[in-house]
Amino acid sequence: MWVGDITYIPLAGGGFLYLAVWMDLYSRRIVGWQLEEHMQEELVVEALRRALSIRTVARGMIAHSDRGGQYAGKAFRRLLDKHKMRQSMSRAGNAYDNAFMESCSQSV
């Protein structure tokens, strides 16, 4: 199972960058990430593509995230389908369902 989340990185001069991260829940290693000036779907798609470029996934592996619109987008779901991955999403308003990534994102 991989778990994903987006966090923001405040910049010294003001403004933010957004960081999408995928963590292998078993090893606790970051397997994919992407840093952008936006929080559009492509942010999480590129982070997942990076992860898939370095790791082979078994059919039916689970990708878990919160319920953000980026994870519900067509391009993201097509990428999951292409790699035969299953999608899991947290219950609405329940950060504890994605606690590993929420705690990781808070430490950035």
PDB file of N, CA and C in Angstrom:
ATOM      1  N   MET A   1       0.845  -1.181   0.000  1.00  0.00           N
ATOM      2  CA  MET A   1       0.000   0.000   0.000  1.00  0.00           C
ATOM      3  C   MET A   1       0.883   1.235   0.000  1.00  0.00           C
ATOM      4  N   TRP A   2       0.519   2.163  -0.871  1.00  0.00           N
ATOM      5  CA  TRP A   2       1.153   3.475  -0.862  1.00  0.00           C
ATOM      6  C   TRP A   2       0.129   4.476  -0.351  1.00  0.00           C
ATOM      7  N   VAL A   3       0.595   5.451   0.413  1.00  0.00           N
ATOM      8  CA  VAL A   3      -0.278   6.514   0.912  1.00  0.00           C
ATOM      9  C   VAL A   3       0.242   7.844   0.383  1.00  0.00           C
ATOM     10  N   GLY A   4      -0.686   8.734   0.032  1.00  0.00           N
ATOM     11  CA  GLY A   4      -0.301  10.006  -0.567  1.00  0.00           C
ATOM     12  C   GLY A   4      -0.976  11.193   0.089  1.00  0.00           C
ATOM     13  N   ASP A   5      -0.333  12.337  -0.049  1.00  0.00           N
ATOM     14  CA  ASP A   5      -0.897  13.577   0.475  1.00  0.00           C
ATOM     15  C   ASP A   5      -0.205  14.751  -0.213  1.00  0.00           C
ATOM     16  N   ILE A   6      -0.798  15.919  -0.031  1.00  0.00           N
ATOM     17  CA  ILE A   6      -0.238  17.177  -0.529  1.00  0.00           C
ATOM     18  C   ILE A   6      -0.031  18.087   0.674  1.00  0.00           C
ATOM     19  N   THR A   7       1.097  18.757   0.702  1.00  0.00           N
ATOM     20  CA  THR A   7       1.338  19.769   1.722  1.00  0.00           C
ATOM     21  C   THR A   7       1.877  21.014   1.030  1.00  0.00           C
ATOM     22  N   TYR A   8       1.922  22.102   1.751  1.00  0.00           N
ATOM     23  CA  TYR A   8       2.454  23.331   1.153  1.00  0.00           C
ATOM     24  C   TYR A   8       3.773  23.688   1.828  1.00  0.00           C
ATOM     25  N   ILE A   9       4.636  24.327   1.053  1.00  0.00           N
ATOM     26  CA  ILE A   9       5.943  24.774   1.522  1.00  0.00           C
ATOM     27  C   ILE A   9       5.939  26.295   1.445  1.00  0.00           C
ATOM     28  N   PRO A  10       5.964  26.984   2.597  1.00  0.00           N
ATOM     29  CA  PRO A  10       5.996  28.452   2.548  1.00  0.00           C
ATOM     30  C   PRO A  10       7.356  28.941   2.033  1.00  0.00           C
ATOM     31  N   LEU A  11       7.326  29.967   1.203  1.00  0.00           N
ATOM     32  CA  LEU A  11       8.546  30.547   0.652  1.00  0.00           C
ATOM     33  C   LEU A  11       8.951  31.781   1.443  1.00  0.00           C
ATOM     34  N   ALA A  12      10.241  32.046   1.510  1.00  0.00           N
ATOM     35  CA  ALA A  12      10.767  33.162   2.297  1.00  0.00           C
ATOM     36  C   ALA A  12      10.172  34.501   1.863  1.00  0.00           C
ATOM     37  N   GLY A  13       9.992  34.712   0.574  1.00  0.00           N
ATOM     38  CA  GLY A  13       9.468  35.979   0.083  1.00  0.00           C
ATOM     39  C   GLY A  13       7.952  36.036   0.045  1.00  0.00           C
ATOM     40  N   GLY A  14       7.291  35.036   0.603  1.00  0.00           N
ATOM     41  CA  GLY A  14       5.839  34.943   0.538  1.00  0.00           C
ATOM     42  C   GLY A  14       5.437  33.941  -0.527  1.00  0.00           C
ATOM     43  N   GLY A  15       4.226  33.533  -0.493  1.00  0.00           N
ATOM     44  CA  GLY A  15       3.742  32.538  -1.438  1.00  0.00           C
ATOM     45  C   GLY A  15       4.046  31.121  -0.964  1.00  0.00           C
ATOM     46  N   PHE A  16       3.684  30.158  -1.801  1.00  0.00           N
ATOM     47  CA  PHE A  16       3.825  28.753  -1.436  1.00  0.00           C
ATOM     48  C   PHE A  16       4.196  27.917  -2.651  1.00  0.00           C
ATOM     49  N   LEU A  17       4.805  26.790  -2.386  1.00  0.00           N
ATOM     50  CA  LEU A  17       4.921  25.700  -3.340  1.00  0.00           C
ATOM     51  C   LEU A  17       4.147  24.538  -2.752  1.00  0.00           C
ATOM     52  N   TYR A  18       3.701  23.637  -3.598  1.00  0.00           N
ATOM     53  CA  TYR A  18       2.916  22.488  -3.141  1.00  0.00           C
ATOM     54  C   TYR A  18       3.674  21.207  -3.430  1.00  0.00           C
ATOM     55  N   LEU A  19       3.731  20.341  -2.442  1.00  0.00           N
ATOM     56  CA  LEU A  19       4.478  19.100  -2.513  1.00  0.00           C
ATOM     57  C   LEU A  19       3.518  17.920  -2.398  1.00  0.00           C
ATOM     58  N   ALA A  20       3.486  17.083  -3.430  1.00  0.00           N
ATOM     59  CA  ALA A  20       2.717  15.839  -3.394  1.00  0.00           C
ATOM     60  C   ALA A  20       3.709  14.708  -3.139  1.00  0.00           C
ATOM     61  N   VAL A  21       3.358  13.820  -2.219  1.00  0.00           N
ATOM     62  CA  VAL A  21       4.265  12.753  -1.799  1.00  0.00           C
ATOM     63  C   VAL A  21       3.520  11.430  -1.759  1.00  0.00           C
ATOM     64  N   TRP A  22       4.203  10.357  -2.186  1.00  0.00           N
ATOM     65  CA  TRP A  22       3.712   8.988  -2.033  1.00  0.00           C
ATOM     66  C   TRP A  22       4.700   8.220  -1.180  1.00  0.00           C
ATOM     67  N   MET A  23       4.195   7.576  -0.128  1.00  0.00           N
ATOM     68  CA  MET A  23       5.016   6.793   0.784  1.00  0.00           C
ATOM     69  C   MET A  23       4.597   5.328   0.729  1.00  0.00           C
ATOM     70  N   ASP A  24       5.586   4.444   0.688  1.00  0.00           N
ATOM     71  CA  ASP A  24       5.339   3.007   0.808  1.00  0.00           C
ATOM     72  C   ASP A  24       5.058   2.746   2.285  1.00  0.00           C
ATOM     73  N   LEU A  25       3.866   2.314   2.590  1.00  0.00           N
ATOM     74  CA  LEU A  25       3.468   2.157   3.987  1.00  0.00           C
ATOM     75  C   LEU A  25       4.271   1.072   4.699  1.00  0.00           C
ATOM     76  N   TYR A  26       4.709   0.061   3.976  1.00  0.00           N
ATOM     77  CA  TYR A  26       5.485  -1.013   4.594  1.00  0.00           C
ATOM     78  C   TYR A  26       6.881  -0.538   5.000  1.00  0.00           C
ATOM     79  N   SER A  27       7.602   0.071   4.074  1.00  0.00           N
ATOM     80  CA  SER A  27       8.989   0.484   4.343  1.00  0.00           C
ATOM     81  C   SER A  27       9.092   1.879   4.945  1.00  0.00           C
ATOM     82  N   ARG A  28       8.022   2.662   4.849  1.00  0.00           N
ATOM     83  CA  ARG A  28       7.976   4.064   5.279  1.00  0.00           C
ATOM     84  C   ARG A  28       8.907   4.940   4.438  1.00  0.00           C
ATOM     85  N   ARG A  29       9.248   4.482   3.249  1.00  0.00           N
ATOM     86  CA  ARG A  29      10.092   5.255   2.346  1.00  0.00           C
ATOM     87  C   ARG A  29       9.243   6.083   1.398  1.00  0.00           C
ATOM     88  N   ILE A  30       9.722   7.267   1.091  1.00  0.00           N
ATOM     89  CA  ILE A  30       9.083   8.096   0.083  1.00  0.00           C
ATOM     90  C   ILE A  30       9.461   7.513  -1.275  1.00  0.00           C
ATOM     91  N   VAL A  31       8.454   7.135  -2.056  1.00  0.00           N
ATOM     92  CA  VAL A  31       8.719   6.505  -3.351  1.00  0.00           C
ATOM     93  C   VAL A  31       8.471   7.451  -4.514  1.00  0.00           C
ATOM     94  N   GLY A  32       7.752   8.530  -4.285  1.00  0.00           N
ATOM     95  CA  GLY A  32       7.498   9.493  -5.346  1.00  0.00           C
ATOM     96  C   GLY A  32       7.104  10.837  -4.779  1.00  0.00           C
ATOM     97  N   TRP A  33       7.508  11.897  -5.463  1.00  0.00           N
ATOM     98  CA  TRP A  33       7.144  13.244  -5.039  1.00  0.00           C
ATOM     99  C   TRP A  33       7.175  14.184  -6.238  1.00  0.00           C
ATOM    100  N   GLN A  34       6.474  15.287  -6.091  1.00  0.00           N
ATOM    101  CA  GLN A  34       6.468  16.337  -7.112  1.00  0.00           C
ATOM    102  C   GLN A  34       6.225  17.673  -6.416  1.00  0.00           C
ATOM    103  N   LEU A  35       6.961  18.695  -6.808  1.00  0.00           N
ATOM    104  CA  LEU A  35       6.857  20.038  -6.239  1.00  0.00           C
ATOM    105  C   LEU A  35       6.439  20.991  -7.352  1.00  0.00           C
ATOM    106  N   GLU A  36       5.365  21.733  -7.125  1.00  0.00           N
ATOM    107  CA  GLU A  36       4.834  22.658  -8.137  1.00  0.00           C
ATOM    108  C   GLU A  36       4.315  23.928  -7.473  1.00  0.00           C
ATOM    109  N   GLU A  37       3.982  24.911  -8.312  1.00  0.00           N
ATOM    110  CA  GLU A  37       3.377  26.156  -7.840  1.00  0.00           C
ATOM    111  C   GLU A  37       1.861  26.059  -7.786  1.00  0.00           C
ATOM    112  N   HIS A  38       1.297  24.892  -8.076  1.00  0.00           N
ATOM    113  CA  HIS A  38      -0.159  24.716  -8.112  1.00  0.00           C
ATOM    114  C   HIS A  38      -0.541  23.399  -7.433  1.00  0.00           C
ATOM    115  N   MET A  39      -1.827  23.259  -7.147  1.00  0.00           N
ATOM    116  CA  MET A  39      -2.350  22.027  -6.535  1.00  0.00           C
ATOM    117  C   MET A  39      -3.288  21.302  -7.498  1.00  0.00           C
ATOM    118  N   GLN A  40      -3.035  21.394  -8.769  1.00  0.00           N
ATOM    119  CA  GLN A  40      -3.895  20.740  -9.746  1.00  0.00           C
ATOM    120  C   GLN A  40      -3.610  19.246  -9.796  1.00  0.00           C
ATOM    121  N   GLU A  41      -4.486  18.532 -10.451  1.00  0.00           N
ATOM    122  CA  GLU A  41      -4.383  17.077 -10.532  1.00  0.00           C
ATOM    123  C   GLU A  41      -3.009  16.609 -11.015  1.00  0.00           C
ATOM    124  N   GLU A  42      -2.408  17.324 -11.942  1.00  0.00           N
ATOM    125  CA  GLU A  42      -1.113  16.929 -12.489  1.00  0.00           C
ATOM    126  C   GLU A  42      -0.039  16.805 -11.403  1.00  0.00           C
ATOM    127  N   LEU A  43      -0.177  17.532 -10.313  1.00  0.00           N
ATOM    128  CA  LEU A  43       0.767  17.446  -9.193  1.00  0.00           C
ATOM    129  C   LEU A  43       0.825  16.024  -8.643  1.00  0.00           C
ATOM    130  N   VAL A  44      -0.328  15.435  -8.354  1.00  0.00           N
ATOM    131  CA  VAL A  44      -0.343  14.081  -7.785  1.00  0.00           C
ATOM    132  C   VAL A  44      -0.076  13.024  -8.856  1.00  0.00           C
ATOM    133  N   VAL A  45      -0.477  13.295 -10.088  1.00  0.00           N
ATOM    134  CA  VAL A  45      -0.208  12.361 -11.189  1.00  0.00           C
ATOM    135  C   VAL A  45       1.303  12.225 -11.392  1.00  0.00           C
ATOM    136  N   GLU A  46       2.011  13.342 -11.442  1.00  0.00           N
ATOM    137  CA  GLU A  46       3.467  13.291 -11.653  1.00  0.00           C
ATOM    138  C   GLU A  46       4.182  12.631 -10.476  1.00  0.00           C
ATOM    139  N   ALA A  47       3.728  12.878  -9.257  1.00  0.00           N
ATOM    140  CA  ALA A  47       4.332  12.218  -8.092  1.00  0.00           C
ATOM    141  C   ALA A  47       4.148  10.705  -8.189  1.00  0.00           C
ATOM    142  N   LEU A  48       2.964  10.271  -8.597  1.00  0.00           N
ATOM    143  CA  LEU A  48       2.715   8.835  -8.743  1.00  0.00           C
ATOM    144  C   LEU A  48       3.521   8.259  -9.907  1.00  0.00           C
ATOM    145  N   ARG A  49       3.634   8.996 -10.999  1.00  0.00           N
ATOM    146  CA  ARG A  49       4.459   8.523 -12.131  1.00  0.00           C
ATOM    147  C   ARG A  49       5.907   8.307 -11.695  1.00  0.00           C
ATOM    148  N   ARG A  50       6.426   9.230 -10.905  1.00  0.00           N
ATOM    149  CA  ARG A  50       7.798   9.077 -10.395  1.00  0.00           C
ATOM    150  C   ARG A  50       7.924   7.802  -9.565  1.00  0.00           C
ATOM    151  N   ALA A  51       6.956   7.578  -8.707  1.00  0.00           N
ATOM    152  CA  ALA A  51       6.990   6.372  -7.873  1.00  0.00           C
ATOM    153  C   ALA A  51       6.944   5.113  -8.733  1.00  0.00           C
ATOM    154  N   LEU A  52       6.080   5.120  -9.726  1.00  0.00           N
ATOM    155  CA  LEU A  52       5.935   3.950 -10.590  1.00  0.00           C
ATOM    156  C   LEU A  52       7.158   3.735 -11.477  1.00  0.00           C
ATOM    157  N   SER A  53       7.947   4.775 -11.701  1.00  0.00           N
ATOM    158  CA  SER A  53       9.147   4.628 -12.525  1.00  0.00           C
ATOM    159  C   SER A  53      10.279   3.939 -11.770  1.00  0.00           C
ATOM    160  N   ILE A  54      10.213   3.934 -10.443  1.00  0.00           N
ATOM    161  CA  ILE A  54      11.293   3.298  -9.669  1.00  0.00           C
ATOM    162  C   ILE A  54      10.853   2.044  -8.928  1.00  0.00           C
ATOM    163  N   ARG A  55       9.541   1.817  -8.862  1.00  0.00           N
ATOM    164  CA  ARG A  55       9.035   0.650  -8.148  1.00  0.00           C
ATOM    165  C   ARG A  55       8.069  -0.127  -9.024  1.00  0.00           C
ATOM    166  N   THR A  56       8.177  -1.439  -8.947  1.00  0.00           N
ATOM    167  CA  THR A  56       7.215  -2.316  -9.611  1.00  0.00           C
ATOM    168  C   THR A  56       6.098  -2.585  -8.615  1.00  0.00           C
ATOM    169  N   VAL A  57       4.871  -2.491  -9.067  1.00  0.00           N
ATOM    170  CA  VAL A  57       3.747  -2.728  -8.159  1.00  0.00           C
ATOM    171  C   VAL A  57       3.011  -4.000  -8.556  1.00  0.00           C
ATOM    172  N   ALA A  58       2.530  -4.690  -7.555  1.00  0.00           N
ATOM    173  CA  ALA A  58       1.742  -5.896  -7.800  1.00  0.00           C
ATOM    174  C   ALA A  58       0.327  -5.496  -8.197  1.00  0.00           C
ATOM    175  N   ARG A  59      -0.288  -6.309  -9.012  1.00  0.00           N
ATOM    176  CA  ARG A  59      -1.673  -6.074  -9.406  1.00  0.00           C
ATOM    177  C   ARG A  59      -2.532  -5.963  -8.142  1.00  0.00           C
ATOM    178  N   GLY A  60      -3.372  -4.948  -8.094  1.00  0.00           N
ATOM    179  CA  GLY A  60      -4.266  -4.764  -6.955  1.00  0.00           C
ATOM    180  C   GLY A  60      -3.665  -4.001  -5.793  1.00  0.00           C
ATOM    181  N   MET A  61      -2.422  -3.513  -5.953  1.00  0.00           N
ATOM    182  CA  MET A  61      -1.842  -2.721  -4.872  1.00  0.00           C
ATOM    183  C   MET A  61      -2.718  -1.499  -4.612  1.00  0.00           C
ATOM    184  N   ILE A  62      -2.785  -1.080  -3.382  1.00  0.00           N
ATOM    185  CA  ILE A  62      -3.671   0.013  -2.982  1.00  0.00           C
ATOM    186  C   ILE A  62      -2.913   1.336  -2.934  1.00  0.00           C
ATOM    187  N   ALA A  63      -3.522   2.361  -3.509  1.00  0.00           N
ATOM    188  CA  ALA A  63      -3.052   3.741  -3.394  1.00  0.00           C
ATOM    189  C   ALA A  63      -4.090   4.477  -2.550  1.00  0.00           C
ATOM    190  N   HIS A  64      -3.689   4.906  -1.351  1.00  0.00           N
ATOM    191  CA  HIS A  64      -4.625   5.551  -0.416  1.00  0.00           C
ATOM    192  C   HIS A  64      -4.297   7.044  -0.298  1.00  0.00           C
ATOM    193  N   SER A  65      -5.349   7.863  -0.257  1.00  0.00           N
ATOM    194  CA  SER A  65      -5.191   9.314  -0.118  1.00  0.00           C
ATOM    195  C   SER A  65      -6.405   9.880   0.600  1.00  0.00           C
ATOM    196  N   ASP A  66      -6.377  11.188   0.803  1.00  0.00           N
ATOM    197  CA  ASP A  66      -7.581  11.851   1.300  1.00  0.00           C
ATOM    198  C   ASP A  66      -8.560  11.996   0.130  1.00  0.00           C
ATOM    199  N   ARG A  67      -9.609  12.756   0.328  1.00  0.00           N
ATOM    200  CA  ARG A  67     -10.647  12.866  -0.691  1.00  0.00           C
ATOM    201  C   ARG A  67     -10.480  14.102  -1.583  1.00  0.00           C
ATOM    202  N   GLY A  68      -9.265  14.633  -1.645  1.00  0.00           N
ATOM    203  CA  GLY A  68      -9.002  15.806  -2.475  1.00  0.00           C
ATOM    204  C   GLY A  68      -9.366  15.559  -3.932  1.00  0.00           C
ATOM    205  N   GLY A  69      -9.835  16.592  -4.583  1.00  0.00           N
ATOM    206  CA  GLY A  69     -10.262  16.482  -5.968  1.00  0.00           C
ATOM    207  C   GLY A  69      -9.173  16.000  -6.910  1.00  0.00           C
ATOM    208  N   GLN A  70      -7.908  16.254  -6.561  1.00  0.00           N
ATOM    209  CA  GLN A  70      -6.807  15.804  -7.416  1.00  0.00           C
ATOM    210  C   GLN A  70      -6.792  14.278  -7.526  1.00  0.00           C
ATOM    211  N   TYR A  71      -7.204  13.597  -6.453  1.00  0.00           N
ATOM    212  CA  TYR A  71      -7.191  12.135  -6.422  1.00  0.00           C
ATOM    213  C   TYR A  71      -8.451  11.532  -7.048  1.00  0.00           C
ATOM    214  N   ALA A  72      -9.416  12.378  -7.345  1.00  0.00           N
ATOM    215  CA  ALA A  72     -10.653  11.915  -7.977  1.00  0.00           C
ATOM    216  C   ALA A  72     -10.676  12.226  -9.471  1.00  0.00           C
ATOM    217  N   GLY A  73      -9.617  12.844  -9.962  1.00  0.00           N
ATOM    218  CA  GLY A  73      -9.565  13.257 -11.354  1.00  0.00           C
ATOM    219  C   GLY A  73      -9.393  12.099 -12.328  1.00  0.00           C
ATOM    220  N   LYS A  74      -9.768  12.350 -13.552  1.00  0.00           N
ATOM    221  CA  LYS A  74      -9.721  11.316 -14.599  1.00  0.00           C
ATOM    222  C   LYS A  74      -8.296  10.847 -14.900  1.00  0.00           C
ATOM    223  N   ALA A  75      -7.362  11.775 -15.007  1.00  0.00           N
ATOM    224  CA  ALA A  75      -5.981  11.398 -15.329  1.00  0.00           C
ATOM    225  C   ALA A  75      -5.379  10.539 -14.219  1.00  0.00           C
ATOM    226  N   PHE A  76      -5.651  10.891 -12.976  1.00  0.00           N
ATOM    227  CA  PHE A  76      -5.132  10.118 -11.850  1.00  0.00           C
ATOM    228  C   PHE A  76      -5.719   8.709 -11.857  1.00  0.00           C
ATOM    229  N   ARG A  77      -7.018   8.621 -12.038  1.00  0.00           N
ATOM    230  CA  ARG A  77      -7.665   7.304 -12.039  1.00  0.00           C
ATOM    231  C   ARG A  77      -7.255   6.458 -13.237  1.00  0.00           C
ATOM    232  N   ARG A  78      -7.009   7.090 -14.379  1.00  0.00           N
ATOM    233  CA  ARG A  78      -6.509   6.348 -15.550  1.00  0.00           C
ATOM    234  C   ARG A  78      -5.138   5.738 -15.249  1.00  0.00           C
ATOM    235  N   LEU A  79      -4.289   6.509 -14.554  1.00  0.00           N
ATOM    236  CA  LEU A  79      -2.962   6.005 -14.207  1.00  0.00           C
ATOM    237  C   LEU A  79      -3.071   4.807 -13.256  1.00  0.00           C
ATOM    238  N   LEU A  80      -3.974   4.892 -12.293  1.00  0.00           N
ATOM    239  CA  LEU A  80      -4.193   3.748 -11.404  1.00  0.00           C
ATOM    240  C   LEU A  80      -4.658   2.536 -12.202  1.00  0.00           C
ATOM    241  N   ASP A  81      -5.623   2.739 -13.089  1.00  0.00           N
ATOM    242  CA  ASP A  81      -6.147   1.634 -13.905  1.00  0.00           C
ATOM    243  C   ASP A  81      -5.052   1.024 -14.775  1.00  0.00           C
ATOM    244  N   LYS A  82      -4.240   1.862 -15.376  1.00  0.00           N
ATOM    245  CA  LYS A  82      -3.168   1.384 -16.250  1.00  0.00           C
ATOM    246  C   LYS A  82      -2.228   0.433 -15.516  1.00  0.00           C
ATOM    247  N   HIS A  83      -1.994   0.709 -14.229  1.00  0.00           N
ATOM    248  CA  HIS A  83      -1.066  -0.109 -13.435  1.00  0.00           C
ATOM    249  C   HIS A  83      -1.799  -1.118 -12.550  1.00  0.00           C
ATOM    250  N   LYS A  84      -3.107  -1.272 -12.801  1.00  0.00           N
ATOM    251  CA  LYS A  84      -3.926  -2.255 -12.069  1.00  0.00           C
ATOM    252  C   LYS A  84      -3.896  -2.028 -10.555  1.00  0.00           C
ATOM    253  N   MET A  85      -3.864  -0.749 -10.168  1.00  0.00           N
ATOM    254  CA  MET A  85      -3.860  -0.385  -8.754  1.00  0.00           C
ATOM    255  C   MET A  85      -5.292  -0.108  -8.298  1.00  0.00           C
ATOM    256  N   ARG A  86      -5.547  -0.339  -7.034  1.00  0.00           N
ATOM    257  CA  ARG A  86      -6.850  -0.046  -6.437  1.00  0.00           C
ATOM    258  C   ARG A  86      -6.761   1.265  -5.676  1.00  0.00           C
ATOM    259  N   GLN A  87      -7.844   2.030  -5.713  1.00  0.00           N
ATOM    260  CA  GLN A  87      -7.876   3.312  -5.018  1.00  0.00           C
ATOM    261  C   GLN A  87      -8.628   3.189  -3.709  1.00  0.00           C
ATOM    262  N   SER A  88      -8.074   3.831  -2.682  1.00  0.00           N
ATOM    263  CA  SER A  88      -8.711   3.932  -1.379  1.00  0.00           C
ATOM    264  C   SER A  88      -8.653   5.396  -0.968  1.00  0.00           C
ATOM    265  N   MET A  89      -9.750   5.891  -0.398  1.00  0.00           N
ATOM    266  CA  MET A  89      -9.776   7.281   0.045  1.00  0.00           C
ATOM    267  C   MET A  89     -10.283   7.341   1.486  1.00  0.00           C
ATOM    268  N   SER A  90      -9.769   8.304   2.226  1.00  0.00           N
ATOM    269  CA  SER A  90     -10.210   8.525   3.602  1.00  0.00           C
ATOM    270  C   SER A  90     -11.684   8.881   3.640  1.00  0.00           C
ATOM    271  N   ARG A  91     -12.289   8.632   4.776  1.00  0.00           N
ATOM    272  CA  ARG A  91     -13.667   9.110   4.963  1.00  0.00           C
ATOM    273  C   ARG A  91     -13.641  10.631   5.020  1.00  0.00           C
ATOM    274  N   ALA A  92     -14.709  11.246   4.584  1.00  0.00           N
ATOM    275  CA  ALA A  92     -14.793  12.712   4.555  1.00  0.00           C
ATOM    276  C   ALA A  92     -14.532  13.291   5.944  1.00  0.00           C
ATOM    277  N   GLY A  93     -13.586  14.241   6.009  1.00  0.00           N
ATOM    278  CA  GLY A  93     -13.304  14.943   7.249  1.00  0.00           C
ATOM    279  C   GLY A  93     -12.583  14.129   8.304  1.00  0.00           C
ATOM    280  N   ASN A  94     -12.002  12.978   7.954  1.00  0.00           N
ATOM    281  CA  ASN A  94     -11.347  12.133   8.944  1.00  0.00           C
ATOM    282  C   ASN A  94      -9.867  11.990   8.605  1.00  0.00           C
ATOM    283  N   ALA A  95      -9.049  12.877   9.174  1.00  0.00           N
ATOM    284  CA  ALA A  95      -7.601  12.856   8.907  1.00  0.00           C
ATOM    285  C   ALA A  95      -6.937  11.598   9.450  1.00  0.00           C
ATOM    286  N   TYR A  96      -7.544  10.941  10.428  1.00  0.00           N
ATOM    287  CA  TYR A  96      -6.944   9.735  11.016  1.00  0.00           C
ATOM    288  C   TYR A  96      -6.889   8.581  10.018  1.00  0.00           C
ATOM    289  N   ASP A  97      -7.733   8.595   9.000  1.00  0.00           N
ATOM    290  CA  ASP A  97      -7.704   7.542   7.983  1.00  0.00           C
ATOM    291  C   ASP A  97      -6.421   7.587   7.152  1.00  0.00           C
ATOM    292  N   ASN A  98      -5.751   8.703   7.148  1.00  0.00           N
ATOM    293  CA  ASN A  98      -4.506   8.855   6.402  1.00  0.00           C
ATOM    294  C   ASN A  98      -3.419   9.386   7.340  1.00  0.00           C
ATOM    295  N   ALA A  99      -3.414   8.876   8.563  1.00  0.00           N
ATOM    296  CA  ALA A  99      -2.553   9.405   9.623  1.00  0.00           C
ATOM    297  C   ALA A  99      -1.066   9.358   9.281  1.00  0.00           C
ATOM    298  N   PHE A 100      -0.606   8.295   8.620  1.00  0.00           N
ATOM    299  CA  PHE A 100       0.813   8.212   8.298  1.00  0.00           C
ATOM    300  C   PHE A 100       1.246   9.366   7.408  1.00  0.00           C
ATOM    301  N   MET A 101       0.462   9.685   6.408  1.00  0.00           N
ATOM    302  CA  MET A 101       0.824  10.778   5.518  1.00  0.00           C
ATOM    303  C   MET A 101       0.547  12.139   6.141  1.00  0.00           C
ATOM    304  N   GLU A 102      -0.493  12.236   6.926  1.00  0.00           N
ATOM    305  CA  GLU A 102      -0.766  13.513   7.595  1.00  0.00           C
ATOM    306  C   GLU A 102       0.401  13.868   8.515  1.00  0.00           C
ATOM    307  N   SER A 103       0.938  12.902   9.243  1.00  0.00           N
ATOM    308  CA  SER A 103       2.062  13.183  10.137  1.00  0.00           C
ATOM    309  C   SER A 103       3.333  13.463   9.345  1.00  0.00           C
ATOM    310  N   CYS A 104       3.513  12.798   8.215  1.00  0.00           N
ATOM    311  CA  CYS A 104       4.662  13.048   7.352  1.00  0.00           C
ATOM    312  C   CYS A 104       4.596  14.463   6.782  1.00  0.00           C
ATOM    313  N   SER A 105       3.419  14.861   6.315  1.00  0.00           N
ATOM    314  CA  SER A 105       3.236  16.181   5.715  1.00  0.00           C
ATOM    315  C   SER A 105       3.445  17.295   6.731  1.00  0.00           C
ATOM    316  N   GLN A 106       3.098  17.056   7.969  1.00  0.00           N
ATOM    317  CA  GLN A 106       3.250  18.072   8.998  1.00  0.00           C
ATOM    318  C   GLN A 106       4.718  18.301   9.358  1.00  0.00           C
ATOM    319  N   SER A 107       5.559  17.301   9.122  1.00  0.00           N
ATOM    320  CA  SER A 107       6.967  17.432   9.487  1.00  0.00           C
ATOM    321  C   SER A 107       7.811  18.083   8.405  1.00  0.00           C
ATOM    322  N   VAL A 108       7.214  18.337   7.234  1.00  0.00           N
ATOM    323  CA  VAL A 108       7.976  18.950   6.129  1.00  0.00           C
ATOM    324  C   VAL A 108       8.243  20.401   6.426  1.00  0.00           C
TER     325      VAL A 108
END
